[in-house]
N, C-alpha and C. Protein backbone atom coordinates (compact mmCIF):
# COMPACT_ATOMS: atom_id res chain seq x y z
N MET A 1 -4.67 12.98 11.55
CA MET A 1 -3.79 12.79 10.41
C MET A 1 -2.39 13.29 10.76
N ILE A 2 -1.42 12.55 10.34
CA ILE A 2 -0.02 12.91 10.58
C ILE A 2 0.43 13.90 9.51
N PRO A 3 0.98 15.05 9.90
CA PRO A 3 1.42 16.06 8.92
C PRO A 3 2.47 15.52 7.94
N TYR A 4 2.47 16.03 6.72
CA TYR A 4 3.37 15.57 5.66
C TYR A 4 4.85 15.65 6.03
N ARG A 5 5.23 16.59 6.87
CA ARG A 5 6.65 16.72 7.19
C ARG A 5 7.19 15.47 7.90
N PHE A 6 6.30 14.65 8.45
CA PHE A 6 6.71 13.43 9.14
C PHE A 6 6.63 12.20 8.24
N TRP A 7 6.09 12.35 7.04
CA TRP A 7 5.99 11.22 6.13
C TRP A 7 7.36 10.89 5.56
N ALA A 8 7.54 9.65 5.17
CA ALA A 8 8.76 9.23 4.49
C ALA A 8 8.77 9.81 3.07
N ASP A 9 9.94 9.84 2.48
CA ASP A 9 10.07 10.24 1.08
C ASP A 9 10.52 9.00 0.31
N SER A 10 9.66 8.00 0.35
CA SER A 10 9.93 6.73 -0.34
C SER A 10 8.63 5.96 -0.44
N PHE A 11 8.66 4.86 -1.14
CA PHE A 11 7.49 4.00 -1.29
C PHE A 11 6.27 4.77 -1.80
N GLY A 12 6.48 5.74 -2.68
CA GLY A 12 5.40 6.49 -3.26
C GLY A 12 4.95 7.69 -2.44
N CYS A 13 5.56 7.92 -1.29
CA CYS A 13 5.23 9.08 -0.46
C CYS A 13 6.24 10.20 -0.74
N SER A 14 5.85 11.42 -0.47
CA SER A 14 6.76 12.54 -0.70
C SER A 14 6.74 13.47 0.51
N GLY A 15 7.13 12.94 1.64
CA GLY A 15 7.12 13.71 2.88
C GLY A 15 8.46 14.32 3.21
N GLY A 16 8.56 14.88 4.41
CA GLY A 16 9.74 15.60 4.83
C GLY A 16 10.75 14.76 5.60
N ASN A 17 10.45 13.50 5.87
CA ASN A 17 11.38 12.59 6.56
C ASN A 17 11.78 13.05 7.95
N GLN A 18 10.95 13.82 8.62
CA GLN A 18 11.26 14.23 9.99
C GLN A 18 10.68 13.22 10.97
N GLN A 19 11.44 12.86 11.97
CA GLN A 19 10.94 11.94 12.98
C GLN A 19 9.95 12.65 13.89
N ILE A 20 8.87 11.98 14.18
CA ILE A 20 7.87 12.52 15.09
C ILE A 20 8.48 12.62 16.48
N ARG A 21 8.23 13.72 17.16
CA ARG A 21 8.65 13.88 18.55
C ARG A 21 7.46 13.57 19.43
N LEU A 22 7.66 12.67 20.36
CA LEU A 22 6.59 12.29 21.28
C LEU A 22 6.88 12.81 22.67
N ALA A 23 5.85 13.14 23.39
CA ALA A 23 5.97 13.54 24.80
C ALA A 23 4.74 13.00 25.52
N TRP A 24 4.92 12.57 26.76
CA TRP A 24 3.81 12.01 27.51
C TRP A 24 3.94 12.31 29.00
N THR A 25 2.81 12.21 29.67
CA THR A 25 2.74 12.38 31.12
C THR A 25 1.71 11.39 31.65
N GLY A 26 1.68 11.24 32.97
CA GLY A 26 0.62 10.48 33.60
C GLY A 26 0.77 8.97 33.59
N ALA A 27 1.98 8.46 33.45
CA ALA A 27 2.17 7.01 33.48
C ALA A 27 1.89 6.50 34.89
N PRO A 28 1.39 5.29 35.01
CA PRO A 28 1.16 4.72 36.35
C PRO A 28 2.46 4.67 37.16
N ALA A 29 2.34 4.77 38.47
CA ALA A 29 3.50 4.82 39.36
C ALA A 29 4.40 3.60 39.23
N ASP A 30 3.87 2.45 38.89
CA ASP A 30 4.68 1.23 38.82
C ASP A 30 5.22 0.96 37.41
N THR A 31 5.17 1.95 36.52
CA THR A 31 5.70 1.80 35.17
C THR A 31 7.20 1.54 35.23
N ARG A 32 7.65 0.51 34.49
CA ARG A 32 9.09 0.18 34.47
C ARG A 32 9.76 0.60 33.17
N SER A 33 9.00 0.65 32.08
CA SER A 33 9.55 1.09 30.80
C SER A 33 8.39 1.35 29.85
N PHE A 34 8.72 1.92 28.69
CA PHE A 34 7.72 2.22 27.67
C PHE A 34 8.12 1.55 26.36
N ALA A 35 7.13 1.35 25.51
CA ALA A 35 7.35 0.86 24.15
C ALA A 35 6.52 1.72 23.21
N VAL A 36 7.03 1.92 22.00
CA VAL A 36 6.33 2.72 21.00
C VAL A 36 6.30 1.94 19.70
N THR A 37 5.16 1.93 19.07
CA THR A 37 5.06 1.38 17.72
C THR A 37 4.20 2.31 16.89
N MET A 38 4.59 2.50 15.66
CA MET A 38 3.81 3.33 14.73
C MET A 38 3.50 2.45 13.53
N TYR A 39 2.23 2.11 13.41
CA TYR A 39 1.78 1.18 12.37
C TYR A 39 0.76 1.88 11.49
N ASP A 40 0.94 1.77 10.18
CA ASP A 40 0.03 2.37 9.21
C ASP A 40 -0.78 1.27 8.54
N PRO A 41 -2.02 1.05 9.00
CA PRO A 41 -2.82 -0.02 8.42
C PRO A 41 -3.28 0.27 7.00
N ASP A 42 -3.20 1.55 6.57
CA ASP A 42 -3.67 1.93 5.24
C ASP A 42 -2.57 1.97 4.19
N ALA A 43 -1.34 1.61 4.57
CA ALA A 43 -0.25 1.61 3.59
C ALA A 43 -0.59 0.63 2.47
N PRO A 44 -0.24 0.97 1.23
CA PRO A 44 -0.63 0.13 0.09
C PRO A 44 0.24 -1.12 -0.07
N THR A 45 0.34 -1.91 0.99
CA THR A 45 1.15 -3.13 0.94
C THR A 45 0.32 -4.39 1.02
N GLY A 46 -0.96 -4.23 1.34
CA GLY A 46 -1.81 -5.39 1.56
C GLY A 46 -1.84 -5.82 3.01
N ALA A 47 -0.83 -5.41 3.77
CA ALA A 47 -0.75 -5.78 5.19
C ALA A 47 -0.38 -4.60 6.07
N GLY A 48 -0.42 -3.38 5.54
CA GLY A 48 -0.01 -2.21 6.32
C GLY A 48 1.50 -2.09 6.36
N PHE A 49 1.99 -1.17 7.19
CA PHE A 49 3.43 -0.94 7.27
C PHE A 49 3.78 -0.43 8.66
N ARG A 50 4.75 -1.06 9.28
CA ARG A 50 5.23 -0.65 10.60
C ARG A 50 6.42 0.29 10.39
N HIS A 51 6.22 1.57 10.76
CA HIS A 51 7.23 2.60 10.56
C HIS A 51 8.22 2.71 11.72
N TRP A 52 7.79 2.31 12.92
CA TRP A 52 8.62 2.58 14.10
C TRP A 52 8.30 1.58 15.18
N VAL A 53 9.34 0.97 15.74
CA VAL A 53 9.21 0.08 16.88
C VAL A 53 10.38 0.37 17.82
N THR A 54 10.08 0.74 19.03
CA THR A 54 11.10 1.03 20.04
C THR A 54 10.61 0.49 21.38
N TRP A 55 11.51 -0.10 22.14
CA TRP A 55 11.11 -0.62 23.44
C TRP A 55 12.23 -0.42 24.46
N ASP A 56 11.94 -0.77 25.69
CA ASP A 56 12.85 -0.54 26.81
C ASP A 56 13.21 0.93 26.99
N VAL A 57 12.25 1.80 26.67
CA VAL A 57 12.43 3.23 26.94
C VAL A 57 12.29 3.38 28.46
N PRO A 58 13.31 3.91 29.14
CA PRO A 58 13.28 3.97 30.61
C PRO A 58 12.05 4.71 31.15
N ASP A 59 11.61 4.30 32.32
CA ASP A 59 10.45 4.93 32.94
C ASP A 59 10.70 6.40 33.29
N THR A 60 11.95 6.81 33.31
CA THR A 60 12.29 8.21 33.60
C THR A 60 12.18 9.10 32.37
N ALA A 61 12.06 8.50 31.19
CA ALA A 61 11.93 9.27 29.95
C ALA A 61 10.49 9.75 29.79
N HIS A 62 10.33 10.95 29.27
CA HIS A 62 9.00 11.49 29.01
C HIS A 62 8.90 12.07 27.62
N THR A 63 9.96 11.88 26.81
CA THR A 63 9.96 12.32 25.41
C THR A 63 10.76 11.33 24.58
N LEU A 64 10.47 11.31 23.30
CA LEU A 64 11.27 10.57 22.31
C LEU A 64 11.46 11.48 21.12
N ASN A 65 12.68 11.53 20.63
CA ASN A 65 12.98 12.26 19.40
C ASN A 65 14.01 11.47 18.63
N SER A 66 14.86 12.08 17.87
CA SER A 66 15.80 11.35 17.02
C SER A 66 16.90 10.64 17.79
N THR A 67 17.12 10.99 19.04
CA THR A 67 18.11 10.31 19.88
C THR A 67 17.39 9.55 20.98
N LEU A 68 17.55 8.25 21.00
CA LEU A 68 16.89 7.45 22.03
C LEU A 68 17.63 7.58 23.35
N PRO A 69 16.90 7.50 24.47
CA PRO A 69 17.56 7.53 25.77
C PRO A 69 18.36 6.25 25.99
N ALA A 70 19.34 6.31 26.87
CA ALA A 70 20.17 5.14 27.17
C ALA A 70 19.29 3.98 27.58
N GLY A 71 19.58 2.81 27.03
CA GLY A 71 18.85 1.60 27.36
C GLY A 71 17.72 1.28 26.42
N ALA A 72 17.23 2.27 25.68
CA ALA A 72 16.13 2.03 24.74
C ALA A 72 16.64 1.27 23.52
N VAL A 73 15.78 0.46 22.95
CA VAL A 73 16.14 -0.37 21.80
C VAL A 73 15.31 0.06 20.59
N ALA A 74 15.99 0.32 19.48
CA ALA A 74 15.32 0.64 18.22
C ALA A 74 15.10 -0.65 17.45
N GLY A 75 13.85 -1.03 17.31
CA GLY A 75 13.54 -2.23 16.55
C GLY A 75 13.62 -1.98 15.05
N THR A 76 13.38 -3.02 14.28
CA THR A 76 13.46 -2.95 12.82
C THR A 76 12.08 -2.66 12.25
N ASP A 77 12.00 -1.65 11.39
CA ASP A 77 10.72 -1.33 10.74
C ASP A 77 10.47 -2.30 9.59
N ASP A 78 9.35 -2.16 8.92
CA ASP A 78 9.00 -3.09 7.84
C ASP A 78 9.86 -2.91 6.59
N ALA A 79 10.69 -1.88 6.56
CA ALA A 79 11.64 -1.71 5.46
C ALA A 79 12.97 -2.39 5.78
N GLY A 80 13.08 -2.94 7.00
CA GLY A 80 14.29 -3.64 7.39
C GLY A 80 15.34 -2.76 8.04
N ALA A 81 14.97 -1.54 8.40
CA ALA A 81 15.93 -0.61 9.01
C ALA A 81 15.55 -0.35 10.46
N PRO A 82 16.55 -0.11 11.32
CA PRO A 82 16.24 0.22 12.71
C PRO A 82 15.76 1.66 12.84
N GLY A 83 14.90 1.91 13.82
CA GLY A 83 14.45 3.27 14.09
C GLY A 83 13.26 3.67 13.26
N TYR A 84 13.00 4.96 13.25
CA TYR A 84 11.87 5.55 12.54
C TYR A 84 12.18 5.66 11.06
N LEU A 85 11.25 5.24 10.19
CA LEU A 85 11.48 5.29 8.75
C LEU A 85 11.61 6.73 8.28
N ARG A 86 12.79 7.09 7.80
CA ARG A 86 13.06 8.44 7.29
C ARG A 86 13.84 8.36 5.99
N TRP A 87 13.52 7.46 5.16
CA TRP A 87 14.28 7.28 3.91
C TRP A 87 14.02 8.41 2.95
N SER A 88 14.96 8.61 2.06
CA SER A 88 14.80 9.61 1.03
C SER A 88 15.30 9.06 -0.30
N ARG A 89 14.62 9.38 -1.38
CA ARG A 89 15.07 8.95 -2.71
C ARG A 89 16.06 9.93 -3.31
N ARG A 90 16.31 11.00 -2.59
CA ARG A 90 17.23 12.02 -3.13
C ARG A 90 18.66 11.58 -2.98
């Protein structure tokens, strides 16, 4: 389960709007880039909700946080915004 501090504060959720920080190791030697998607199949939309889509993360990167590495592309989430969904109703 994803902790509440990473949930959005919109669409009926009341989270902390913090972007998840990812870190990884052990990629195959011939890795050229990484892609990340965060999809919530249980979102009450009838079709789930894509919170985060990022691609072309360089093979030299081993973490993702609120600032993407050079060359990485922030795709559009299902709310129509680029990057990780961190909306707030405040």
